[in-house]
PDB file of N, CA and C in Angstrom:
ATOM      1  N   UNK A   1       0.901  -1.230   0.186  1.00  0.00           N
ATOM      2  CA  UNK A   1      -0.222   0.168  -0.492  1.00  0.00           C
ATOM      3  C   UNK A   1       0.848   1.385   0.130  1.00  0.00           C
ATOM      4  N   UNK A   2       0.741   2.138  -1.218  1.00  0.00           N
ATOM      5  CA  UNK A   2       1.879   3.807  -1.016  1.00  0.00           C
ATOM      6  C   UNK A   2       0.490   4.488  -0.845  1.00  0.00           C
ATOM      7  N   UNK A   3      -0.706   4.832  -0.731  1.00  0.00           N
ATOM      8  CA  UNK A   3      -1.773   5.503  -1.226  1.00  0.00           C
ATOM      9  C   UNK A   3      -2.194   6.272   0.051  1.00  0.00           C
ATOM     10  N   UNK A   4      -2.395   7.154   0.468  1.00  0.00           N
ATOM     11  CA  UNK A   4      -2.167   7.733   1.573  1.00  0.00           C
ATOM     12  C   UNK A   4      -3.855   7.570   1.961  1.00  0.00           C
ATOM     13  N   UNK A   5      -4.567   8.056   1.233  1.00  0.00           N
ATOM     14  CA  UNK A   5      -6.320   7.752   1.412  1.00  0.00           C
ATOM     15  C   UNK A   5      -6.652   6.126   1.253  1.00  0.00           C
ATOM     16  N   UNK A   6      -5.657   5.488   0.808  1.00  0.00           N
ATOM     17  CA  UNK A   6      -6.165   3.867   1.201  1.00  0.00           C
ATOM     18  C   UNK A   6      -5.863   3.626   2.585  1.00  0.00           C
ATOM     19  N   UNK A   7      -4.824   4.067   3.155  1.00  0.00           N
ATOM     20  CA  UNK A   7      -3.925   4.078   4.352  1.00  0.00           C
ATOM     21  C   UNK A   7      -5.112   4.155   5.065  1.00  0.00           C
ATOM     22  N   UNK A   8      -5.538   5.709   5.335  1.00  0.00           N
ATOM     23  CA  UNK A   8      -6.339   6.067   5.951  1.00  0.00           C
ATOM     24  C   UNK A   8      -7.573   5.210   6.108  1.00  0.00           C
ATOM     25  N   UNK A   9      -8.172   4.891   5.247  1.00  0.00           N
ATOM     26  CA  UNK A   9      -9.185   4.536   4.550  1.00  0.00           C
ATOM     27  C   UNK A   9      -9.201   2.947   5.861  1.00  0.00           C
ATOM     28  N   UNK A  10      -7.917   2.014   6.079  1.00  0.00           N
ATOM     29  CA  UNK A  10      -7.602   1.050   6.000  1.00  0.00           C
ATOM     30  C   UNK A  10      -7.692   1.590   7.964  1.00  0.00           C
ATOM     31  N   UNK A  11      -6.987   2.981   8.209  1.00  0.00           N
ATOM     32  CA  UNK A  11      -7.278   3.008   9.801  1.00  0.00           C
ATOM     33  C   UNK A  11      -8.593   3.270   9.999  1.00  0.00           C
ATOM     34  N   UNK A  12      -9.276   3.685   9.342  1.00  0.00           N
ATOM     35  CA  UNK A  12     -11.036   4.219   9.820  1.00  0.00           C
ATOM     36  C   UNK A  12     -11.424   2.586   9.800  1.00  0.00           C
ATOM     37  N   UNK A  13     -11.427   1.489   9.252  1.00  0.00           N
ATOM     38  CA  UNK A  13     -12.252   0.403   9.220  1.00  0.00           C
ATOM     39  C   UNK A  13     -11.661  -0.563   9.839  1.00  0.00           C
ATOM     40  N   UNK A  14     -10.372  -1.064   9.667  1.00  0.00           N
ATOM     41  CA  UNK A  14      -9.737  -2.149  10.515  1.00  0.00           C
ATOM     42  C   UNK A  14      -9.465  -2.186  11.573  1.00  0.00           C
ATOM     43  N   UNK A  15      -9.129  -3.111  12.715  1.00  0.00           N
ATOM     44  CA  UNK A  15      -9.168  -3.248  13.999  1.00  0.00           C
ATOM     45  C   UNK A  15      -7.307  -3.102  14.168  1.00  0.00           C
ATOM     46  N   UNK A  16      -7.050  -3.382  13.074  1.00  0.00           N
ATOM     47  CA  UNK A  16      -5.210  -3.760  13.229  1.00  0.00           C
ATOM     48  C   UNK A  16      -4.920  -3.306  12.165  1.00  0.00           C
ATOM     49  N   UNK A  17      -3.328  -3.045  12.257  1.00  0.00           N
ATOM     50  CA  UNK A  17      -2.561  -2.453  10.945  1.00  0.00           C
ATOM     51  C   UNK A  17      -2.180  -4.001  10.992  1.00  0.00           C
ATOM     52  N   UNK A  18      -1.832  -4.751   9.470  1.00  0.00           N
ATOM     53  CA  UNK A  18      -1.194  -4.970   8.752  1.00  0.00           C
ATOM     54  C   UNK A  18       0.521  -5.438   9.539  1.00  0.00           C
ATOM     55  N   UNK A  19       0.380  -6.802   9.774  1.00  0.00           N
ATOM     56  CA  UNK A  19       1.773  -7.413  10.066  1.00  0.00           C
ATOM     57  C   UNK A  19       2.774  -7.383   8.652  1.00  0.00           C
ATOM     58  N   UNK A  20       2.089  -7.204   8.084  1.00  0.00           N
ATOM     59  CA  UNK A  20       3.487  -6.969   6.964  1.00  0.00           C
ATOM     60  C   UNK A  20       4.084  -5.382   6.902  1.00  0.00           C
ATOM     61  N   UNK A  21       3.159  -4.610   7.050  1.00  0.00           N
ATOM     62  CA  UNK A  21       3.850  -3.554   7.568  1.00  0.00           C
ATOM     63  C   UNK A  21       5.037  -3.301   7.994  1.00  0.00           C
ATOM     64  N   UNK A  22       5.766  -2.208   7.626  1.00  0.00           N
ATOM     65  CA  UNK A  22       6.707  -1.491   8.867  1.00  0.00           C
ATOM     66  C   UNK A  22       6.266  -1.544  10.306  1.00  0.00           C
ATOM     67  N   UNK A  23       7.214  -1.384  11.014  1.00  0.00           N
ATOM     68  CA  UNK A  23       6.883  -1.437  12.375  1.00  0.00           C
ATOM     69  C   UNK A  23       6.788   0.525  12.385  1.00  0.00           C
ATOM     70  N   UNK A  24       7.153   1.180  10.995  1.00  0.00           N
ATOM     71  CA  UNK A  24       7.369   2.331  11.616  1.00  0.00           C
ATOM     72  C   UNK A  24       5.689   3.082  10.782  1.00  0.00           C
ATOM     73  N   UNK A  25       5.245   2.436   9.900  1.00  0.00           N
ATOM     74  CA  UNK A  25       3.536   2.014   9.582  1.00  0.00           C
ATOM     75  C   UNK A  25       2.960   1.763  10.027  1.00  0.00           C
ATOM     76  N   UNK A  26       3.550   0.678  10.903  1.00  0.00           N
ATOM     77  CA  UNK A  26       2.586  -0.036  12.113  1.00  0.00           C
ATOM     78  C   UNK A  26       2.435   1.043  13.138  1.00  0.00           C
ATOM     79  N   UNK A  27       3.495   2.006  13.556  1.00  0.00           N
ATOM     80  CA  UNK A  27       3.438   3.187  14.719  1.00  0.00           C
ATOM     81  C   UNK A  27       2.258   4.269  14.027  1.00  0.00           C
ATOM     82  N   UNK A  28       2.414   4.570  12.994  1.00  0.00           N
ATOM     83  CA  UNK A  28       1.476   5.614  13.184  1.00  0.00           C
ATOM     84  C   UNK A  28       0.060   5.432  12.360  1.00  0.00           C
ATOM     85  N   UNK A  29      -0.382   3.917  12.385  1.00  0.00           N
ATOM     86  CA  UNK A  29      -1.134   3.271  12.237  1.00  0.00           C
ATOM     87  C   UNK A  29      -2.358   3.539  13.159  1.00  0.00           C
ATOM     88  N   UNK A  30      -1.033   3.024  14.026  1.00  0.00           N
ATOM     89  CA  UNK A  30      -2.122   3.361  16.072  1.00  0.00           C
ATOM     90  C   UNK A  30      -2.053   4.371  16.503  1.00  0.00           C
ATOM     91  N   UNK A  31      -1.397   5.605  15.948  1.00  0.00           N
ATOM     92  CA  UNK A  31      -0.828   6.656  16.590  1.00  0.00           C
ATOM     93  C   UNK A  31      -2.327   7.487  16.069  1.00  0.00           C
ATOM     94  N   UNK A  32      -2.684   7.170  14.609  1.00  0.00           N
ATOM     95  CA  UNK A  32      -3.996   7.836  13.448  1.00  0.00           C
ATOM     96  C   UNK A  32      -5.407   7.076  14.328  1.00  0.00           C
ATOM     97  N   UNK A  33      -5.301   6.299  14.744  1.00  0.00           N
ATOM     98  CA  UNK A  33      -6.346   5.109  15.822  1.00  0.00           C
ATOM     99  C   UNK A  33      -6.465   6.243  17.055  1.00  0.00           C
ATOM    100  N   UNK A  34      -5.909   6.694  17.443  1.00  0.00           N
ATOM    101  CA  UNK A  34      -5.565   7.217  18.686  1.00  0.00           C
ATOM    102  C   UNK A  34      -5.213   6.227  19.715  1.00  0.00           C
ATOM    103  N   UNK A  35      -4.269   5.725  19.689  1.00  0.00           N
ATOM    104  CA  UNK A  35      -3.891   4.451  20.087  1.00  0.00           C
ATOM    105  C   UNK A  35      -2.087   4.934  20.480  1.00  0.00           C
ATOM    106  N   UNK A  36      -1.877   6.191  21.385  1.00  0.00           N
ATOM    107  CA  UNK A  36      -0.849   6.464  21.687  1.00  0.00           C
ATOM    108  C   UNK A  36       0.119   5.506  22.204  1.00  0.00           C
ATOM    109  N   UNK A  37       0.254   4.804  23.083  1.00  0.00           N
ATOM    110  CA  UNK A  37       0.966   3.633  23.817  1.00  0.00           C
ATOM    111  C   UNK A  37       1.309   2.711  22.839  1.00  0.00           C
ATOM    112  N   UNK A  38      -0.010   2.189  22.071  1.00  0.00           N
ATOM    113  CA  UNK A  38       0.651   1.061  21.626  1.00  0.00           C
ATOM    114  C   UNK A  38       2.163   1.798  20.503  1.00  0.00           C
ATOM    115  N   UNK A  39       1.207   2.798  19.763  1.00  0.00           N
ATOM    116  CA  UNK A  39       2.026   3.548  18.339  1.00  0.00           C
ATOM    117  C   UNK A  39       3.785   3.855  19.362  1.00  0.00           C
ATOM    118  N   UNK A  40       3.898   4.569  20.059  1.00  0.00           N
ATOM    119  CA  UNK A  40       5.158   4.863  21.194  1.00  0.00           C
ATOM    120  C   UNK A  40       6.063   3.210  21.310  1.00  0.00           C
ATOM    121  N   UNK A  41       4.989   2.220  22.072  1.00  0.00           N
ATOM    122  CA  UNK A  41       5.892   1.693  22.305  1.00  0.00           C
ATOM    123  C   UNK A  41       6.706   0.938  20.983  1.00  0.00           C
ATOM    124  N   UNK A  42       5.906   0.617  19.912  1.00  0.00           N
ATOM    125  CA  UNK A  42       6.755   0.481  18.364  1.00  0.00           C
ATOM    126  C   UNK A  42       7.885   1.520  18.292  1.00  0.00           C
ATOM    127  N   UNK A  43       7.441   2.792  18.239  1.00  0.00           N
ATOM    128  CA  UNK A  43       8.660   3.803  17.473  1.00  0.00           C
ATOM    129  C   UNK A  43       9.868   3.910  18.503  1.00  0.00           C
ATOM    130  N   UNK A  44       9.691   3.462  19.835  1.00  0.00           N
ATOM    131  CA  UNK A  44      10.885   4.111  20.756  1.00  0.00           C
ATOM    132  C   UNK A  44      11.810   2.472  20.467  1.00  0.00           C
ATOM    133  N   UNK A  45      11.390   1.835  19.585  1.00  0.00           N
ATOM    134  CA  UNK A  45      12.420   0.568  19.400  1.00  0.00           C
ATOM    135  C   UNK A  45      13.024   0.761  18.727  1.00  0.00           C
ATOM    136  N   UNK A  46      12.822   0.826  17.402  1.00  0.00           N
ATOM    137  CA  UNK A  46      13.236   1.487  16.249  1.00  0.00           C
ATOM    138  C   UNK A  46      14.747   2.674  16.265  1.00  0.00           C
ATOM    139  N   UNK A  47      15.949   2.110  16.156  1.00  0.00           N
ATOM    140  CA  UNK A  47      16.945   2.954  16.933  1.00  0.00           C
ATOM    141  C   UNK A  47      17.446   3.162  15.881  1.00  0.00           C
ATOM    142  N   UNK A  48      17.049   4.725  14.890  1.00  0.00           N
ATOM    143  CA  UNK A  48      17.594   5.263  13.663  1.00  0.00           C
ATOM    144  C   UNK A  48      16.719   6.441  13.414  1.00  0.00           C
ATOM    145  N   UNK A  49      17.285   7.049  12.477  1.00  0.00           N
ATOM    146  CA  UNK A  49      16.895   8.651  12.157  1.00  0.00           C
ATOM    147  C   UNK A  49      15.421   8.509  11.876  1.00  0.00           C
ATOM    148  N   UNK A  50      14.718   7.478  11.402  1.00  0.00           N
ATOM    149  CA  UNK A  50      13.090   7.956  11.006  1.00  0.00           C
ATOM    150  C   UNK A  50      12.420   7.045  12.039  1.00  0.00           C
ATOM    151  N   UNK A  51      13.137   6.263  13.210  1.00  0.00           N
ATOM    152  CA  UNK A  51      12.472   6.048  14.260  1.00  0.00           C
ATOM    153  C   UNK A  51      12.177   6.858  15.345  1.00  0.00           C
ATOM    154  N   UNK A  52      13.456   7.857  15.512  1.00  0.00           N
ATOM    155  CA  UNK A  52      13.451   9.200  16.100  1.00  0.00           C
ATOM    156  C   UNK A  52      12.390   9.962  15.103  1.00  0.00           C
ATOM    157  N   UNK A  53      12.297  10.302  14.086  1.00  0.00           N
ATOM    158  CA  UNK A  53      11.287  10.924  13.755  1.00  0.00           C
ATOM    159  C   UNK A  53       9.881  11.062  14.071  1.00  0.00           C
ATOM    160  N   UNK A  54       9.485   9.570  14.001  1.00  0.00           N
ATOM    161  CA  UNK A  54       8.035   9.363  14.170  1.00  0.00           C
ATOM    162  C   UNK A  54       8.114   9.763  15.726  1.00  0.00           C
ATOM    163  N   UNK A  55       9.237   9.134  16.771  1.00  0.00           N
ATOM    164  CA  UNK A  55       9.052   9.222  17.978  1.00  0.00           C
ATOM    165  C   UNK A  55       8.757  10.405  18.430  1.00  0.00           C
ATOM    166  N   UNK A  56       9.534  11.193  17.633  1.00  0.00           N
ATOM    167  CA  UNK A  56       9.168  13.317  18.082  1.00  0.00           C
ATOM    168  C   UNK A  56       8.214  13.367  17.534  1.00  0.00           C
ATOM    169  N   UNK A  57       7.594  12.743  16.755  1.00  0.00           N
ATOM    170  CA  UNK A  57       5.990  13.544  16.777  1.00  0.00           C
ATOM    171  C   UNK A  57       5.000  13.179  17.776  1.00  0.00           C
ATOM    172  N   UNK A  58       5.235  11.462  18.490  1.00  0.00           N
ATOM    173  CA  UNK A  58       4.260  11.103  18.693  1.00  0.00           C
ATOM    174  C   UNK A  58       4.646  12.037  20.458  1.00  0.00           C
ATOM    175  N   UNK A  59       5.339  12.821  20.867  1.00  0.00           N
ATOM    176  CA  UNK A  59       5.663  13.052  22.033  1.00  0.00           C
ATOM    177  C   UNK A  59       5.192  14.602  21.864  1.00  0.00           C
ATOM    178  N   UNK A  60       5.635  14.777  20.482  1.00  0.00           N
ATOM    179  CA  UNK A  60       4.482  16.050  20.162  1.00  0.00           C
ATOM    180  C   UNK A  60       2.936  16.074  20.489  1.00  0.00           C
ATOM    181  N   UNK A  61       2.329  14.774  19.906  1.00  0.00           N
ATOM    182  CA  UNK A  61       0.816  14.137  20.425  1.00  0.00           C
ATOM    183  C   UNK A  61       0.831  14.134  22.002  1.00  0.00           C
ATOM    184  N   UNK A  62       1.614  14.072  22.313  1.00  0.00           N
ATOM    185  CA  UNK A  62       1.463  13.580  23.990  1.00  0.00           C
ATOM    186  C   UNK A  62       1.363  15.028  24.545  1.00  0.00           C
ATOM    187  N   UNK A  63       2.013  16.025  23.836  1.00  0.00           N
ATOM    188  CA  UNK A  63       2.189  17.430  24.661  1.00  0.00           C
ATOM    189  C   UNK A  63       3.371  17.719  25.133  1.00  0.00           C
ATOM    190  N   UNK A  64       4.565  16.557  25.303  1.00  0.00           N
ATOM    191  CA  UNK A  64       6.314  17.031  25.382  1.00  0.00           C
ATOM    192  C   UNK A  64       6.796  17.735  24.722  1.00  0.00           C
ATOM    193  N   UNK A  65       6.869  18.799  24.315  1.00  0.00           N
ATOM    194  CA  UNK A  65       7.804  19.633  23.456  1.00  0.00           C
ATOM    195  C   UNK A  65       9.074  19.520  23.336  1.00  0.00           C
ATOM    196  N   UNK A  66       9.457  19.891  25.188  1.00  0.00           N
ATOM    197  CA  UNK A  66      11.204  19.152  25.200  1.00  0.00           C
ATOM    198  C   UNK A  66      11.821  17.854  24.765  1.00  0.00           C
ATOM    199  N   UNK A  67      10.699  17.071  25.269  1.00  0.00           N
ATOM    200  CA  UNK A  67      11.421  15.719  24.556  1.00  0.00           C
ATOM    201  C   UNK A  67      11.179  15.150  23.624  1.00  0.00           C
ATOM    202  N   UNK A  68      10.212  16.044  22.490  1.00  0.00           N
ATOM    203  CA  UNK A  68       9.666  16.019  20.972  1.00  0.00           C
ATOM    204  C   UNK A  68      11.513  16.474  20.413  1.00  0.00           C
ATOM    205  N   UNK A  69      11.548  17.584  20.745  1.00  0.00           N
ATOM    206  CA  UNK A  69      12.868  18.934  20.397  1.00  0.00           C
ATOM    207  C   UNK A  69      14.052  17.505  20.050  1.00  0.00           C
ATOM    208  N   UNK A  70      14.153  16.955  21.484  1.00  0.00           N
ATOM    209  CA  UNK A  70      15.297  15.502  21.772  1.00  0.00           C
ATOM    210  C   UNK A  70      15.252  14.481  20.373  1.00  0.00           C
ATOM    211  N   UNK A  71      14.479  14.285  20.144  1.00  0.00           N
ATOM    212  CA  UNK A  71      14.133  13.079  19.329  1.00  0.00           C
ATOM    213  C   UNK A  71      14.217  13.624  17.478  1.00  0.00           C
ATOM    214  N   UNK A  72      13.762  15.305  17.577  1.00  0.00           N
ATOM    215  CA  UNK A  72      14.046  16.257  16.483  1.00  0.00           C
ATOM    216  C   UNK A  72      15.356  16.001  15.863  1.00  0.00           C
ATOM    217  N   UNK A  73      15.921  16.160  17.047  1.00  0.00           N
ATOM    218  CA  UNK A  73      17.114  16.391  16.719  1.00  0.00           C
ATOM    219  C   UNK A  73      18.129  14.773  16.472  1.00  0.00           C
ATOM    220  N   UNK A  74      17.680  13.608  17.356  1.00  0.00           N
ATOM    221  CA  UNK A  74      18.565  12.424  16.663  1.00  0.00           C
ATOM    222  C   UNK A  74      17.787  12.414  15.630  1.00  0.00           C
ATOM    223  N   UNK A  75      16.755  12.744  15.153  1.00  0.00           N
ATOM    224  CA  UNK A  75      16.261  12.513  13.754  1.00  0.00           C
ATOM    225  C   UNK A  75      16.582  13.179  12.546  1.00  0.00           C
ATOM    226  N   UNK A  76      17.836  14.339  13.058  1.00  0.00           N
ATOM    227  CA  UNK A  76      18.135  15.275  12.117  1.00  0.00           C
ATOM    228  C   UNK A  76      17.164  16.145  11.553  1.00  0.00           C
ATOM    229  N   UNK A  77      16.266  16.414  12.011  1.00  0.00           N
ATOM    230  CA  UNK A  77      14.709  17.283  11.561  1.00  0.00           C
ATOM    231  C   UNK A  77      15.042  18.488  12.297  1.00  0.00           C
ATOM    232  N   UNK A  78      13.790  18.969  11.213  1.00  0.00           N
ATOM    233  CA  UNK A  78      13.955  20.403  12.368  1.00  0.00           C
ATOM    234  C   UNK A  78      12.394  20.420  13.085  1.00  0.00           C
ATOM    235  N   UNK A  79      12.731  20.506  14.608  1.00  0.00           N
ATOM    236  CA  UNK A  79      11.547  20.782  15.203  1.00  0.00           C
ATOM    237  C   UNK A  79       9.810  21.182  14.611  1.00  0.00           C
ATOM    238  N   UNK A  80       9.278  20.613  14.548  1.00  0.00           N
ATOM    239  CA  UNK A  80       7.811  20.759  13.839  1.00  0.00           C
ATOM    240  C   UNK A  80       7.231  21.499  15.216  1.00  0.00           C
ATOM    241  N   UNK A  81       7.199  21.917  16.044  1.00  0.00           N
ATOM    242  CA  UNK A  81       5.955  22.879  17.037  1.00  0.00           C
ATOM    243  C   UNK A  81       5.254  23.463  16.542  1.00  0.00           C
ATOM    244  N   UNK A  82       5.824  24.353  15.360  1.00  0.00           N
ATOM    245  CA  UNK A  82       4.031  25.096  15.101  1.00  0.00           C
ATOM    246  C   UNK A  82       3.325  24.425  13.739  1.00  0.00           C
ATOM    247  N   UNK A  83       3.637  22.929  13.666  1.00  0.00           N
ATOM    248  CA  UNK A  83       3.363  22.744  12.540  1.00  0.00           C
ATOM    249  C   UNK A  83       1.859  21.588  13.042  1.00  0.00           C
ATOM    250  N   UNK A  84       0.946  21.634  12.358  1.00  0.00           N
ATOM    251  CA  UNK A  84      -0.630  21.369  12.773  1.00  0.00           C
ATOM    252  C   UNK A  84      -0.220  19.103  13.275  1.00  0.00           C
ATOM    253  N   UNK A  85      -0.493  18.684  13.873  1.00  0.00           N
ATOM    254  CA  UNK A  85       0.038  17.394  13.845  1.00  0.00           C
ATOM    255  C   UNK A  85      -0.529  16.223  12.993  1.00  0.00           C
ATOM    256  N   UNK A  86      -1.647  17.189  12.204  1.00  0.00           N
ATOM    257  CA  UNK A  86      -2.376  16.306  11.463  1.00  0.00           C
ATOM    258  C   UNK A  86      -1.840  16.544  10.228  1.00  0.00           C
ATOM    259  N   UNK A  87      -1.287  17.418  10.008  1.00  0.00           N
ATOM    260  CA  UNK A  87      -0.075  17.835   8.396  1.00  0.00           C
ATOM    261  C   UNK A  87       0.643  17.027   8.893  1.00  0.00           C
ATOM    262  N   UNK A  88       1.668  17.096  10.006  1.00  0.00           N
ATOM    263  CA  UNK A  88       2.979  16.136  10.573  1.00  0.00           C
ATOM    264  C   UNK A  88       2.556  14.300  10.366  1.00  0.00           C
ATOM    265  N   UNK A  89       1.465  14.504  10.694  1.00  0.00           N
ATOM    266  CA  UNK A  89       0.938  12.743  10.611  1.00  0.00           C
ATOM    267  C   UNK A  89       1.032  12.102   9.498  1.00  0.00           C
ATOM    268  N   UNK A  90       0.597  13.582   8.417  1.00  0.00           N
ATOM    269  CA  UNK A  90       0.000  12.412   6.737  1.00  0.00           C
ATOM    270  C   UNK A  90       1.695  13.041   5.966  1.00  0.00           C
ATOM    271  N   UNK A  91       2.239  14.133   6.670  1.00  0.00           N
ATOM    272  CA  UNK A  91       3.870  13.907   5.989  1.00  0.00           C
ATOM    273  C   UNK A  91       4.559  12.255   5.926  1.00  0.00           C
ATOM    274  N   UNK A  92       4.380  12.067   7.461  1.00  0.00           N
ATOM    275  CA  UNK A  92       4.998  11.025   7.894  1.00  0.00           C
ATOM    276  C   UNK A  92       4.551  10.044   7.167  1.00  0.00           C
ATOM    277  N   UNK A  93       3.259   9.878   7.390  1.00  0.00           N
ATOM    278  CA  UNK A  93       2.833   8.118   6.544  1.00  0.00           C
ATOM    279  C   UNK A  93       3.029   8.120   5.158  1.00  0.00           C
ATOM    280  N   UNK A  94       2.890   9.642   4.211  1.00  0.00           N
ATOM    281  CA  UNK A  94       3.120   9.724   2.925  1.00  0.00           C
ATOM    282  C   UNK A  94       4.746   8.991   2.631  1.00  0.00           C
ATOM    283  N   UNK A  95       5.561   9.545   3.338  1.00  0.00           N
ATOM    284  CA  UNK A  95       6.741   9.158   3.638  1.00  0.00           C
ATOM    285  C   UNK A  95       7.344   7.696   3.688  1.00  0.00           C
ATOM    286  N   UNK A  96       6.269   7.233   4.689  1.00  0.00           N
ATOM    287  CA  UNK A  96       6.577   5.965   4.975  1.00  0.00           C
ATOM    288  C   UNK A  96       6.222   5.005   4.577  1.00  0.00           C
ATOM    289  N   UNK A  97       4.871   5.045   3.518  1.00  0.00           N
ATOM    290  CA  UNK A  97       4.327   4.366   2.694  1.00  0.00           C
ATOM    291  C   UNK A  97       5.082   4.119   1.713  1.00  0.00           C
ATOM    292  N   UNK A  98       5.977   5.449   0.978  1.00  0.00           N
ATOM    293  CA  UNK A  98       6.314   5.250  -0.067  1.00  0.00           C
ATOM    294  C   UNK A  98       8.341   5.029   0.217  1.00  0.00           C
ATOM    295  N   UNK A  99       8.948   4.569   1.059  1.00  0.00           N
ATOM    296  CA  UNK A  99      10.385   4.398   1.610  1.00  0.00           C
ATOM    297  C   UNK A  99      10.121   3.542   2.830  1.00  0.00           C
ATOM    298  N   UNK A 100       9.116   2.697   2.885  1.00  0.00           N
ATOM    299  CA  UNK A 100       8.935   1.937   4.040  1.00  0.00           C
ATOM    300  C   UNK A 100       9.129   2.415   5.128  1.00  0.00           C
TER     301      UNK A 100
END
């Protein structure tokens, strides 16, 4: 699956993400579903810049901007403190749907 609309539709209709998807896609799926803890548990185990990017986003969702800043730095990304959370989620989802 690499279409954002199909991905969003899957989140709305299904009870769990596909086990065939990468853990980062699964983390974003759970985040969109409103299951922060499940999403965070997946993201914090991925020790890469990509994992840190998702982890940063999740700490923004949580409201912990300071911790998010740390994870953005680990991801080599500019903090998105002023960007709408839904906009960033979509950016992340589109990126990982295309790049794994």
